[in-house]
N, C-alpha and C. Protein backbone atom coordinates (compact mmCIF):
# COMPACT_ATOMS: atom_id res chain seq x y z
N MET A 1 3.08 -40.61 41.25
CA MET A 1 3.51 -39.17 41.21
C MET A 1 2.40 -38.24 41.54
N GLY A 2 0.94 -38.66 40.93
CA GLY A 2 -0.35 -37.46 41.00
C GLY A 2 -0.62 -37.89 42.22
N MET A 3 -0.65 -38.92 42.88
CA MET A 3 -1.67 -39.77 44.09
C MET A 3 -0.59 -38.97 45.60
N VAL A 4 0.24 -39.20 44.94
CA VAL A 4 1.69 -38.25 46.26
C VAL A 4 1.61 -36.79 46.39
N SER A 5 0.99 -35.75 45.13
CA SER A 5 1.05 -34.47 45.19
C SER A 5 -0.64 -34.56 45.59
N VAL A 6 -1.54 -35.28 45.18
CA VAL A 6 -2.83 -34.79 45.80
C VAL A 6 -2.64 -35.41 47.19
N LEU A 7 -2.34 -36.47 48.01
CA LEU A 7 -2.04 -36.28 49.01
C LEU A 7 -1.91 -35.50 49.70
N ILE A 8 -0.71 -35.00 49.54
CA ILE A 8 0.01 -33.77 50.20
C ILE A 8 -0.46 -33.21 50.17
N PHE A 9 -1.70 -32.22 49.16
CA PHE A 9 -2.27 -31.06 49.15
C PHE A 9 -3.63 -31.40 49.82
N VAL A 10 -3.99 -32.26 50.16
CA VAL A 10 -5.29 -32.78 50.81
C VAL A 10 -4.50 -32.35 52.43
N ILE A 11 -3.82 -33.31 52.86
CA ILE A 11 -3.29 -33.45 54.19
C ILE A 11 -2.75 -31.72 54.19
N PHE A 12 -2.04 -30.87 53.97
CA PHE A 12 -1.68 -29.70 54.15
C PHE A 12 -2.65 -28.51 53.73
N ALA A 13 -4.25 -28.61 53.48
CA ALA A 13 -5.28 -28.08 53.05
C ALA A 13 -6.15 -27.18 53.92
N GLY A 14 -5.73 -27.70 55.13
CA GLY A 14 -6.29 -26.59 56.23
C GLY A 14 -7.56 -27.61 57.00
N PHE A 15 -7.69 -28.75 56.18
CA PHE A 15 -9.18 -29.70 57.08
C PHE A 15 -8.22 -30.44 57.91
N ILE A 16 -7.78 -31.40 57.31
CA ILE A 16 -7.25 -32.20 58.06
C ILE A 16 -6.20 -31.87 59.47
N VAL A 17 -4.88 -30.92 59.08
CA VAL A 17 -3.76 -30.77 59.40
C VAL A 17 -4.54 -28.92 59.56
N THR A 18 -5.07 -28.17 60.54
CA THR A 18 -5.00 -26.62 60.54
C THR A 18 -3.87 -25.84 60.63
N LYS A 19 -4.24 -24.86 59.98
CA LYS A 19 -2.93 -24.31 59.84
C LYS A 19 -2.20 -24.00 60.50
N SER A 20 -2.26 -23.63 61.79
CA SER A 20 -1.68 -23.50 63.12
C SER A 20 -1.07 -24.57 63.67
N GLN A 21 -0.97 -25.66 63.05
CA GLN A 21 -1.05 -26.87 63.66
C GLN A 21 0.50 -27.22 62.48
N ILE A 22 0.80 -26.87 61.65
CA ILE A 22 1.29 -27.17 60.39
C ILE A 22 2.81 -26.83 60.70
N PRO A 23 3.89 -27.43 60.67
CA PRO A 23 5.10 -26.68 61.14
C PRO A 23 5.46 -26.04 60.18
N ASP A 24 6.46 -24.94 60.68
CA ASP A 24 6.98 -23.51 59.72
C ASP A 24 7.45 -24.43 58.53
N TYR A 25 8.48 -25.52 58.59
CA TYR A 25 9.11 -25.50 57.16
C TYR A 25 8.09 -26.28 56.51
N PHE A 26 7.17 -26.65 56.71
CA PHE A 26 6.11 -26.92 55.77
C PHE A 26 4.84 -26.87 55.33
N ILE A 27 4.66 -25.09 55.95
CA ILE A 27 3.63 -23.92 55.63
C ILE A 27 3.91 -23.69 53.90
N TRP A 28 4.82 -24.12 53.84
CA TRP A 28 5.14 -23.79 51.73
C TRP A 28 4.10 -24.53 51.21
N ALA A 29 3.69 -25.73 51.51
CA ALA A 29 2.93 -26.78 51.20
C ALA A 29 1.68 -26.32 51.24
N HIS A 30 0.95 -25.46 52.38
CA HIS A 30 0.16 -25.42 52.44
C HIS A 30 -0.45 -24.29 51.32
N TRP A 31 0.61 -23.23 51.63
CA TRP A 31 0.21 -21.97 50.65
C TRP A 31 0.40 -22.19 48.73
N ILE A 32 0.62 -23.60 48.37
CA ILE A 32 0.95 -23.69 47.26
C ILE A 32 -0.29 -24.56 46.79
N SER A 33 -1.26 -25.15 47.66
CA SER A 33 -1.77 -26.35 46.98
C SER A 33 -3.03 -25.63 46.81
N PRO A 34 -4.09 -26.07 45.55
CA PRO A 34 -4.80 -25.63 45.09
C PRO A 34 -6.02 -25.45 46.37
N ILE A 35 -6.10 -27.06 46.74
CA ILE A 35 -6.61 -27.51 47.65
C ILE A 35 -7.06 -26.34 48.29
N THR A 36 -5.70 -25.81 49.18
CA THR A 36 -6.51 -24.90 50.02
C THR A 36 -7.03 -23.97 49.83
N TRP A 37 -6.72 -23.54 48.61
CA TRP A 37 -7.68 -21.92 48.31
C TRP A 37 -8.70 -21.99 48.13
N SER A 38 -9.09 -23.26 47.07
CA SER A 38 -10.30 -23.62 47.22
C SER A 38 -11.08 -23.98 48.29
N PHE A 39 -10.74 -24.71 50.05
CA PHE A 39 -10.93 -24.71 51.08
C PHE A 39 -11.91 -23.58 51.87
N LYS A 40 -11.05 -22.87 51.33
CA LYS A 40 -10.81 -21.91 52.02
C LYS A 40 -11.99 -20.58 51.65
N ALA A 41 -11.92 -20.84 50.26
CA ALA A 41 -12.54 -20.12 49.81
C ALA A 41 -14.09 -20.64 50.00
N LEU A 42 -14.51 -22.01 49.83
CA LEU A 42 -15.72 -22.73 49.98
C LEU A 42 -16.31 -22.12 51.16
N ALA A 43 -15.41 -22.29 52.20
CA ALA A 43 -15.34 -22.09 53.83
C ALA A 43 -16.13 -20.59 54.34
N VAL A 44 -15.36 -19.85 53.43
CA VAL A 44 -15.68 -17.93 53.58
C VAL A 44 -17.00 -18.46 53.12
N ASN A 45 -17.02 -18.74 52.16
CA ASN A 45 -18.12 -18.79 50.73
C ASN A 45 -19.45 -19.22 52.38
N GLN A 46 -19.29 -20.26 52.70
CA GLN A 46 -20.40 -20.79 53.51
C GLN A 46 -20.67 -20.28 54.94
N TYR A 47 -19.73 -20.13 55.88
CA TYR A 47 -19.91 -19.51 56.94
C TYR A 47 -20.14 -17.92 56.95
N ARG A 48 -19.78 -17.00 56.12
CA ARG A 48 -19.54 -15.42 55.97
C ARG A 48 -21.25 -15.04 55.20
N SER A 49 -22.45 -16.32 54.84
CA SER A 49 -23.43 -15.91 54.70
C SER A 49 -24.67 -15.32 55.45
N ASP A 50 -25.40 -14.83 54.84
CA ASP A 50 -26.32 -13.74 55.83
C ASP A 50 -26.98 -15.28 56.83
N PRO A 51 -27.01 -16.25 56.35
CA PRO A 51 -27.95 -17.47 57.29
C PRO A 51 -27.14 -18.05 58.16
N MET A 52 -25.33 -17.99 58.00
CA MET A 52 -24.01 -18.21 59.19
C MET A 52 -23.91 -17.47 59.82
N ASP A 53 -23.65 -16.15 59.17
CA ASP A 53 -23.14 -14.98 60.24
C ASP A 53 -24.05 -14.25 60.77
N VAL A 54 -24.22 -14.88 61.96
CA VAL A 54 -25.29 -14.24 62.96
C VAL A 54 -24.69 -14.37 64.53
N CYS A 55 -25.65 -13.31 65.14
CA CYS A 55 -24.68 -14.02 66.64
C CYS A 55 -25.32 -14.78 67.15
N VAL A 56 -26.18 -14.83 67.22
CA VAL A 56 -27.33 -15.86 67.77
C VAL A 56 -27.31 -16.97 66.53
N TYR A 57 -26.76 -18.56 66.75
CA TYR A 57 -27.35 -19.53 66.37
C TYR A 57 -27.92 -20.76 67.06
N GLU A 58 -28.89 -21.40 66.86
CA GLU A 58 -29.52 -22.58 67.66
C GLU A 58 -29.32 -22.21 69.20
N ASP A 59 -29.51 -20.80 69.44
CA ASP A 59 -29.72 -20.73 71.19
C ASP A 59 -28.47 -20.51 71.51
N VAL A 60 -27.28 -20.45 71.08
CA VAL A 60 -26.15 -19.65 71.46
C VAL A 60 -25.75 -18.32 70.85
N ASP A 61 -25.33 -17.54 71.83
CA ASP A 61 -24.84 -16.41 71.70
C ASP A 61 -23.74 -16.00 71.34
N TYR A 62 -22.96 -16.09 70.04
CA TYR A 62 -21.31 -15.92 70.09
C TYR A 62 -21.27 -15.24 70.16
N CYS A 63 -21.80 -13.57 69.97
CA CYS A 63 -21.48 -12.35 70.22
C CYS A 63 -21.18 -12.17 71.66
N THR A 64 -21.61 -12.46 72.56
CA THR A 64 -21.23 -12.30 73.89
C THR A 64 -20.75 -13.17 74.67
N GLU A 65 -20.44 -14.63 74.14
CA GLU A 65 -19.50 -15.43 74.54
C GLU A 65 -17.91 -15.47 74.35
N TYR A 66 -17.97 -15.65 72.83
CA TYR A 66 -16.83 -15.04 72.06
C TYR A 66 -16.41 -14.18 71.50
N GLY A 67 -17.12 -13.41 71.38
CA GLY A 67 -16.60 -11.71 71.08
C GLY A 67 -16.92 -12.00 69.47
N LEU A 68 -17.44 -13.07 68.53
CA LEU A 68 -17.50 -13.19 67.41
C LEU A 68 -18.83 -13.69 67.18
N ARG A 69 -19.01 -13.68 65.70
CA ARG A 69 -20.39 -13.87 64.99
C ARG A 69 -20.45 -15.10 64.63
N MET A 70 -21.23 -16.20 64.73
CA MET A 70 -20.94 -17.67 64.64
C MET A 70 -20.04 -18.25 63.77
N GLY A 71 -20.26 -17.59 62.44
CA GLY A 71 -19.58 -18.03 60.94
C GLY A 71 -17.95 -17.77 61.36
N GLU A 72 -17.71 -16.63 62.07
CA GLU A 72 -16.59 -16.04 62.29
C GLU A 72 -15.60 -17.04 63.29
N TYR A 73 -16.33 -17.29 64.60
CA TYR A 73 -16.20 -18.60 65.07
C TYR A 73 -15.50 -20.00 64.72
N TYR A 74 -16.78 -20.10 63.79
CA TYR A 74 -16.20 -21.47 63.19
C TYR A 74 -15.12 -21.65 62.43
N LEU A 75 -15.04 -19.99 61.80
CA LEU A 75 -13.82 -20.14 60.26
C LEU A 75 -12.58 -19.97 61.68
N GLY A 76 -12.53 -19.33 62.46
CA GLY A 76 -11.61 -19.25 63.74
C GLY A 76 -10.99 -21.00 64.26
N LEU A 77 -11.75 -21.40 64.13
CA LEU A 77 -11.49 -22.87 65.03
C LEU A 77 -10.48 -23.63 63.99
N PHE A 78 -10.50 -23.43 62.75
CA PHE A 78 -9.79 -24.49 61.82
C PHE A 78 -8.94 -23.56 61.47
N GLY A 79 -8.15 -22.09 61.50
CA GLY A 79 -7.47 -21.22 61.65
C GLY A 79 -7.34 -20.70 60.33
N ILE A 80 -9.36 -20.83 59.29
CA ILE A 80 -9.13 -20.36 58.16
C ILE A 80 -9.69 -18.63 58.22
N ASP A 81 -9.18 -17.37 57.82
CA ASP A 81 -9.07 -15.67 57.25
C ASP A 81 -10.53 -16.16 57.11
N THR A 82 -11.25 -14.94 57.96
CA THR A 82 -12.75 -14.53 57.81
C THR A 82 -12.82 -13.38 56.89
N GLU A 83 -12.01 -12.90 56.39
CA GLU A 83 -12.06 -11.54 55.17
C GLU A 83 -13.16 -12.33 54.16
N LYS A 84 -13.88 -11.72 53.60
CA LYS A 84 -14.78 -12.72 51.99
C LYS A 84 -14.14 -12.05 51.11
N GLU A 85 -12.59 -11.65 51.13
CA GLU A 85 -12.22 -11.33 50.00
C GLU A 85 -11.09 -12.80 49.82
N TRP A 86 -10.91 -13.57 50.25
CA TRP A 86 -10.66 -14.94 50.27
C TRP A 86 -11.04 -15.86 49.81
N VAL A 87 -12.60 -15.40 48.79
CA VAL A 87 -13.17 -16.45 48.20
C VAL A 87 -12.87 -15.79 46.75
N VAL A 88 -11.96 -14.44 46.53
CA VAL A 88 -12.07 -13.50 45.45
C VAL A 88 -10.73 -14.26 45.05
N TYR A 89 -9.82 -14.68 46.21
CA TYR A 89 -8.44 -15.12 46.41
C TYR A 89 -8.56 -16.42 45.29
N GLY A 90 -9.62 -17.35 46.05
CA GLY A 90 -9.81 -18.91 46.04
C GLY A 90 -9.57 -18.84 44.23
N ILE A 91 -10.88 -18.44 43.75
CA ILE A 91 -10.84 -18.67 42.53
C ILE A 91 -9.75 -17.63 41.35
N ILE A 92 -9.52 -17.36 41.52
CA ILE A 92 -8.51 -16.33 41.42
C ILE A 92 -7.36 -17.31 41.50
N TYR A 93 -6.45 -17.49 42.33
CA TYR A 93 -5.70 -18.90 42.32
C TYR A 93 -6.13 -19.90 41.32
N THR A 94 -6.72 -20.82 41.64
CA THR A 94 -7.47 -21.87 40.68
C THR A 94 -7.38 -21.32 39.45
N VAL A 95 -7.63 -20.47 39.24
CA VAL A 95 -8.20 -20.14 37.59
C VAL A 95 -6.73 -20.28 37.07
N ALA A 96 -5.52 -19.44 38.16
CA ALA A 96 -4.19 -19.42 37.39
C ALA A 96 -3.75 -20.50 37.52
N VAL A 97 -3.71 -21.41 38.69
CA VAL A 97 -2.92 -23.08 38.68
C VAL A 97 -3.30 -23.74 37.37
N TYR A 98 -4.97 -23.59 37.51
CA TYR A 98 -5.54 -24.07 36.46
C TYR A 98 -4.71 -23.80 34.45
N VAL A 99 -4.18 -22.78 34.83
CA VAL A 99 -4.21 -21.99 33.13
C VAL A 99 -2.41 -22.70 33.45
N ILE A 100 -1.69 -22.28 34.09
CA ILE A 100 -0.64 -22.92 34.36
C ILE A 100 0.08 -24.58 34.25
N PHE A 101 -1.14 -25.20 34.84
CA PHE A 101 -0.76 -26.43 34.70
C PHE A 101 -1.35 -26.82 33.30
N MET A 102 -1.92 -26.37 32.55
CA MET A 102 -2.93 -27.02 31.49
C MET A 102 -1.08 -26.38 30.38
N PHE A 103 -0.68 -25.31 30.44
CA PHE A 103 0.24 -24.69 30.12
C PHE A 103 1.90 -25.52 29.72
N LEU A 104 1.44 -26.13 30.98
CA LEU A 104 2.85 -27.02 31.15
C LEU A 104 2.57 -28.52 30.77
N SER A 105 0.75 -29.04 30.86
CA SER A 105 0.77 -30.01 29.98
C SER A 105 0.83 -30.27 28.69
N PHE A 106 0.82 -28.66 27.84
CA PHE A 106 0.96 -28.37 26.61
C PHE A 106 2.49 -29.33 26.14
N LEU A 107 3.34 -27.69 27.32
CA LEU A 107 4.56 -28.05 26.80
C LEU A 107 5.04 -29.49 26.56
N ALA A 108 4.77 -30.41 27.53
CA ALA A 108 5.17 -31.70 28.07
C ALA A 108 5.17 -32.46 26.62
N LEU A 109 3.70 -32.60 26.69
CA LEU A 109 3.20 -33.30 24.77
C LEU A 109 3.59 -33.18 24.19
N GLU A 110 3.92 -31.44 23.40
CA GLU A 110 4.52 -31.54 22.20
C GLU A 110 5.98 -31.46 22.01
N TYR A 111 6.75 -31.38 23.63
CA TYR A 111 8.06 -31.12 22.92
C TYR A 111 8.78 -32.31 23.58
N ILE A 112 8.31 -33.46 24.81
CA ILE A 112 8.57 -34.20 24.88
C ILE A 112 8.66 -35.26 24.62
N ARG A 113 9.83 -36.22 23.89
CA ARG A 113 9.62 -37.33 23.28
C ARG A 113 10.84 -38.36 23.71
N TYR A 114 10.18 -39.50 23.65
CA TYR A 114 10.78 -40.55 24.09
C TYR A 114 11.22 -41.26 23.13
N GLU A 115 12.98 -41.43 23.56
CA GLU A 115 13.47 -42.61 22.40
C GLU A 115 13.39 -43.51 22.28
N VAL A 116 13.73 -44.02 21.37
CA VAL A 116 13.26 -45.26 20.80
C VAL A 116 13.90 -46.65 21.68
N PRO A 117 13.50 -47.75 21.94
CA PRO A 117 14.97 -48.26 22.32
C PRO A 117 16.13 -48.44 21.75
N GLU A 118 17.21 -49.02 22.07
CA GLU A 118 18.35 -49.37 21.67
C GLU A 118 18.30 -50.54 20.64
N ASN A 119 17.29 -51.47 21.45
CA ASN A 119 17.37 -53.23 20.15
C ASN A 119 16.91 -53.00 19.03
N VAL A 120 16.14 -51.92 18.53
CA VAL A 120 15.14 -51.83 17.67
C VAL A 120 15.88 -51.93 16.90
N ASP A 121 15.87 -52.64 15.73
CA ASP A 121 16.56 -52.88 14.55
C ASP A 121 15.81 -52.50 13.73
N VAL A 122 16.06 -51.01 12.69
CA VAL A 122 15.43 -50.50 11.84
C VAL A 122 16.17 -50.16 10.60
N SER A 123 17.20 -50.77 10.14
CA SER A 123 18.00 -50.69 8.54
C SER A 123 16.93 -51.56 7.28
N GLU A 124 16.69 -51.00 6.54
CA GLU A 124 15.99 -51.45 5.56
C GLU A 124 17.03 -53.11 5.16
N LYS A 125 15.90 -54.11 4.79
CA LYS A 125 16.37 -55.06 4.26
C LYS A 125 15.82 -55.00 2.68
N THR A 126 16.74 -55.79 2.19
CA THR A 126 16.35 -55.78 0.57
C THR A 126 16.29 -57.65 0.68
N ILE A 127 14.83 -57.36 0.00
CA ILE A 127 14.14 -58.27 -0.69
C ILE A 127 13.90 -58.60 -1.77
N GLU A 128 14.85 -59.51 -2.79
CA GLU A 128 14.31 -59.85 -4.04
C GLU A 128 13.28 -60.65 -4.79
N ASP A 129 12.37 -61.13 -3.80
CA ASP A 129 11.09 -61.70 -4.47
C ASP A 129 10.10 -60.27 -4.15
N GLU A 130 9.91 -59.37 -4.74
CA GLU A 130 8.74 -58.57 -4.24
C GLU A 130 7.75 -58.84 -5.82
N SER A 131 6.57 -58.91 -5.03
CA SER A 131 5.60 -59.10 -6.01
C SER A 131 4.25 -58.20 -5.17
N TYR A 132 3.89 -57.79 -6.68
CA TYR A 132 2.71 -56.51 -5.91
C TYR A 132 1.29 -57.26 -7.21
N VAL A 133 0.40 -57.61 -6.30
CA VAL A 133 -1.11 -57.53 -7.16
C VAL A 133 -2.06 -56.30 -6.91
N ALA A 134 -2.56 -56.78 -7.34
CA ALA A 134 -3.88 -55.78 -7.78
C ALA A 134 -5.06 -55.91 -7.55
N LEU A 135 -6.06 -55.62 -6.70
CA LEU A 135 -7.26 -56.43 -6.09
C LEU A 135 -8.39 -55.82 -5.94
N HIS A 136 -9.33 -56.35 -6.93
CA HIS A 136 -10.54 -55.67 -7.23
C HIS A 136 -11.82 -56.58 -6.64
N THR A 137 -12.46 -55.74 -5.98
CA THR A 137 -13.61 -56.30 -5.17
C THR A 137 -14.82 -56.14 -5.89
N PRO A 138 -15.45 -57.44 -5.86
CA PRO A 138 -16.66 -57.31 -6.85
C PRO A 138 -17.63 -56.90 -6.27
N LYS A 139 -18.78 -55.91 -7.21
CA LYS A 139 -20.11 -55.32 -6.80
C LYS A 139 -20.49 -56.06 -6.28
N THR A 140 -20.81 -57.31 -6.78
CA THR A 140 -21.94 -57.67 -6.78
C THR A 140 -21.57 -59.42 -6.17
N ARG A 141 -22.34 -60.58 -5.70
CA ARG A 141 -21.97 -61.75 -4.79
C ARG A 141 -21.86 -62.36 -5.91
N SER A 142 -21.00 -63.06 -6.04
CA SER A 142 -20.57 -64.66 -6.84
C SER A 142 -21.41 -65.75 -6.52
N ASN A 143 -21.92 -66.38 -7.26
CA ASN A 143 -22.35 -67.46 -7.92
C ASN A 143 -22.21 -68.99 -7.47
N HIS A 144 -20.79 -68.51 -7.66
CA HIS A 144 -19.68 -70.18 -7.90
C HIS A 144 -19.72 -70.21 -6.47
N ALA A 145 -19.96 -71.93 -6.41
CA ALA A 145 -19.82 -72.56 -4.93
C ALA A 145 -18.29 -73.15 -5.01
N GLY A 146 -17.77 -72.93 -5.85
CA GLY A 146 -16.35 -73.67 -5.98
C GLY A 146 -15.15 -73.52 -4.70
N GLU A 147 -14.26 -74.19 -4.57
CA GLU A 147 -13.36 -74.19 -3.70
C GLU A 147 -12.35 -73.49 -4.07
N HIS A 148 -11.61 -72.54 -3.62
CA HIS A 148 -9.90 -71.66 -3.86
C HIS A 148 -9.48 -72.59 -3.39
N ILE A 149 -7.96 -72.86 -4.10
CA ILE A 149 -7.11 -73.86 -2.89
C ILE A 149 -6.17 -73.15 -3.82
N MET A 150 -5.10 -72.13 -2.97
CA MET A 150 -3.87 -71.34 -2.95
C MET A 150 -2.85 -72.18 -2.33
N GLU A 151 -1.72 -72.38 -3.78
CA GLU A 151 -0.27 -72.88 -3.10
C GLU A 151 0.44 -72.27 -2.14
N LEU A 152 0.54 -72.31 -1.05
CA LEU A 152 1.47 -71.51 -0.14
C LEU A 152 3.13 -72.01 -0.14
N ASP A 153 4.11 -71.16 -0.52
CA ASP A 153 5.41 -71.09 -0.28
C ASP A 153 5.69 -71.91 1.00
N THR A 154 5.93 -72.74 1.24
CA THR A 154 6.66 -73.15 3.11
C THR A 154 7.97 -72.11 3.33
N ARG A 155 8.73 -71.35 2.39
CA ARG A 155 9.61 -71.07 2.91
C ARG A 155 9.43 -69.85 3.84
N GLU A 156 9.98 -69.10 4.93
CA GLU A 156 9.60 -67.98 5.75
C GLU A 156 10.34 -66.74 4.78
N LYS A 157 9.75 -66.12 4.78
CA LYS A 157 9.43 -64.80 4.12
C LYS A 157 10.09 -63.66 5.11
N ASN A 158 10.93 -62.42 4.58
CA ASN A 158 10.44 -61.58 5.41
C ASN A 158 9.75 -60.27 5.42
N PHE A 159 9.38 -59.76 6.60
CA PHE A 159 7.94 -58.94 6.59
C PHE A 159 9.00 -57.80 6.14
N THR A 160 7.93 -56.92 5.34
CA THR A 160 8.43 -55.85 5.10
C THR A 160 7.07 -54.95 4.86
N PRO A 161 6.66 -54.07 5.53
CA PRO A 161 5.25 -52.90 5.78
C PRO A 161 4.78 -52.30 4.77
N VAL A 162 4.00 -52.44 4.72
CA VAL A 162 2.74 -51.95 3.35
C VAL A 162 2.06 -51.35 3.49
N THR A 163 1.79 -50.60 2.60
CA THR A 163 0.50 -49.56 2.55
C THR A 163 -0.01 -50.26 1.60
N VAL A 164 -1.50 -50.12 2.26
CA VAL A 164 -3.10 -50.67 1.23
C VAL A 164 -3.26 -49.84 0.92
N ALA A 165 -4.11 -49.90 -0.45
CA ALA A 165 -4.81 -48.69 -0.78
C ALA A 165 -5.82 -49.25 -1.48
N PHE A 166 -7.44 -48.46 -1.04
CA PHE A 166 -8.50 -49.22 -1.54
C PHE A 166 -9.24 -48.16 -2.16
N GLN A 167 -9.98 -48.68 -3.02
CA GLN A 167 -10.75 -47.41 -3.81
C GLN A 167 -12.43 -48.36 -4.32
N ASP A 168 -12.84 -47.36 -4.36
CA ASP A 168 -14.70 -47.83 -4.55
C ASP A 168 -15.13 -49.68 -4.24
N LEU A 169 -14.32 -49.20 -3.08
CA LEU A 169 -14.84 -50.79 -1.98
C LEU A 169 -16.13 -51.12 -2.12
N TRP A 170 -16.24 -52.27 -2.17
CA TRP A 170 -17.89 -52.73 -1.70
C TRP A 170 -17.89 -53.80 -0.71
N TYR A 171 -19.05 -53.90 0.10
CA TYR A 171 -19.35 -55.41 0.56
C TYR A 171 -20.85 -55.22 0.69
N SER A 172 -20.91 -56.27 0.31
CA SER A 172 -22.98 -57.00 0.42
C SER A 172 -23.06 -57.90 1.22
N VAL A 173 -23.93 -58.05 2.10
CA VAL A 173 -24.44 -59.39 2.71
C VAL A 173 -25.88 -59.68 2.48
N PRO A 174 -26.26 -61.21 2.58
CA PRO A 174 -27.40 -61.44 2.25
C PRO A 174 -28.24 -60.85 2.99
N ASP A 175 -29.80 -60.32 2.90
CA ASP A 175 -30.47 -59.88 3.33
C ASP A 175 -31.13 -61.14 4.55
N PRO A 176 -31.07 -60.73 5.57
CA PRO A 176 -31.55 -61.99 6.56
C PRO A 176 -32.88 -62.25 6.40
N LYS A 177 -34.00 -60.71 6.18
CA LYS A 177 -35.16 -61.11 5.68
C LYS A 177 -35.50 -61.45 4.31
N ASN A 178 -34.90 -61.09 3.44
CA ASN A 178 -35.50 -61.68 2.18
C ASN A 178 -33.93 -62.19 1.09
N PRO A 179 -33.70 -63.90 0.82
CA PRO A 179 -32.34 -63.98 1.11
C PRO A 179 -31.58 -63.79 -0.28
N LYS A 180 -32.73 -63.75 -1.30
CA LYS A 180 -32.77 -63.59 -2.65
C LYS A 180 -31.97 -61.78 -2.81
N GLU A 181 -32.08 -61.24 -1.98
CA GLU A 181 -31.45 -60.09 -2.18
C GLU A 181 -30.43 -59.64 -1.18
N SER A 182 -29.80 -58.48 -1.78
CA SER A 182 -28.45 -57.86 -0.22
C SER A 182 -28.36 -56.79 0.05
N LEU A 183 -27.85 -56.66 0.54
CA LEU A 183 -26.86 -55.38 1.42
C LEU A 183 -25.91 -54.49 1.73
N ASP A 184 -26.10 -53.28 1.18
CA ASP A 184 -24.83 -53.16 0.86
C ASP A 184 -24.66 -52.17 1.79
N LEU A 185 -23.44 -52.56 2.92
CA LEU A 185 -23.03 -51.97 3.73
C LEU A 185 -21.68 -51.62 3.38
N LEU A 186 -20.53 -51.46 2.90
CA LEU A 186 -20.04 -50.67 2.44
C LEU A 186 -20.13 -50.67 0.73
N LYS A 187 -20.20 -49.03 0.35
CA LYS A 187 -20.80 -48.61 -0.79
C LYS A 187 -19.89 -47.18 -1.97
N GLY A 188 -18.82 -47.93 -2.62
CA GLY A 188 -17.85 -47.24 -2.97
C GLY A 188 -16.63 -46.47 -2.11
N ILE A 189 -16.26 -47.42 -1.12
CA ILE A 189 -15.67 -46.27 -0.01
C ILE A 189 -13.99 -46.54 -0.83
N ASN A 190 -12.92 -45.77 -0.49
CA ASN A 190 -11.49 -45.21 -0.54
C ASN A 190 -11.12 -44.95 0.45
N GLY A 191 -9.68 -45.72 0.36
CA GLY A 191 -8.89 -45.27 1.50
C GLY A 191 -7.69 -45.82 1.69
N PHE A 192 -6.54 -45.82 2.57
CA PHE A 192 -5.72 -46.28 2.57
C PHE A 192 -5.02 -46.64 3.91
N ALA A 193 -4.56 -47.48 4.57
CA ALA A 193 -3.76 -48.18 5.89
C ALA A 193 -2.81 -48.49 5.56
């Protein structure tokens, strides 16, 4: 949708299709386009500036041939109004459109919520075999080289969302420069997830 609106704004901005060539039933697209107002403001700012708004430019006398200054003549080719007020109008319109769309974005992000899919089951299932274990992370590296074997229950357990909390968590690794010492990567970290 965004690309379509940008395409419409660019087409009716007055550069690709000039204002005089736009059909009457599409002229509204020309006037609501922020690109139109920015394009007009930039064009008037450029062509009505002192170096461009002269009678003679590159050996062509625009005042005698066309009755206009060079800047006014070239702005007229694209059907752009030549008054310098259009620079201010362009800035005001661009700022107003920015504020309006930022406010609409705020409203959409704050108040539009999508419903959850209908196939999600959020009912709580009771689990009889709930067990909790408190774990402690050692602050130093253990010198035990033995293997730890844990027996696993082969039956499938239901998943229950849990909260993991940790307090005074330390994590150390051997120092690559001095293997007898260790580097503390985490020191006394507290948190939950």
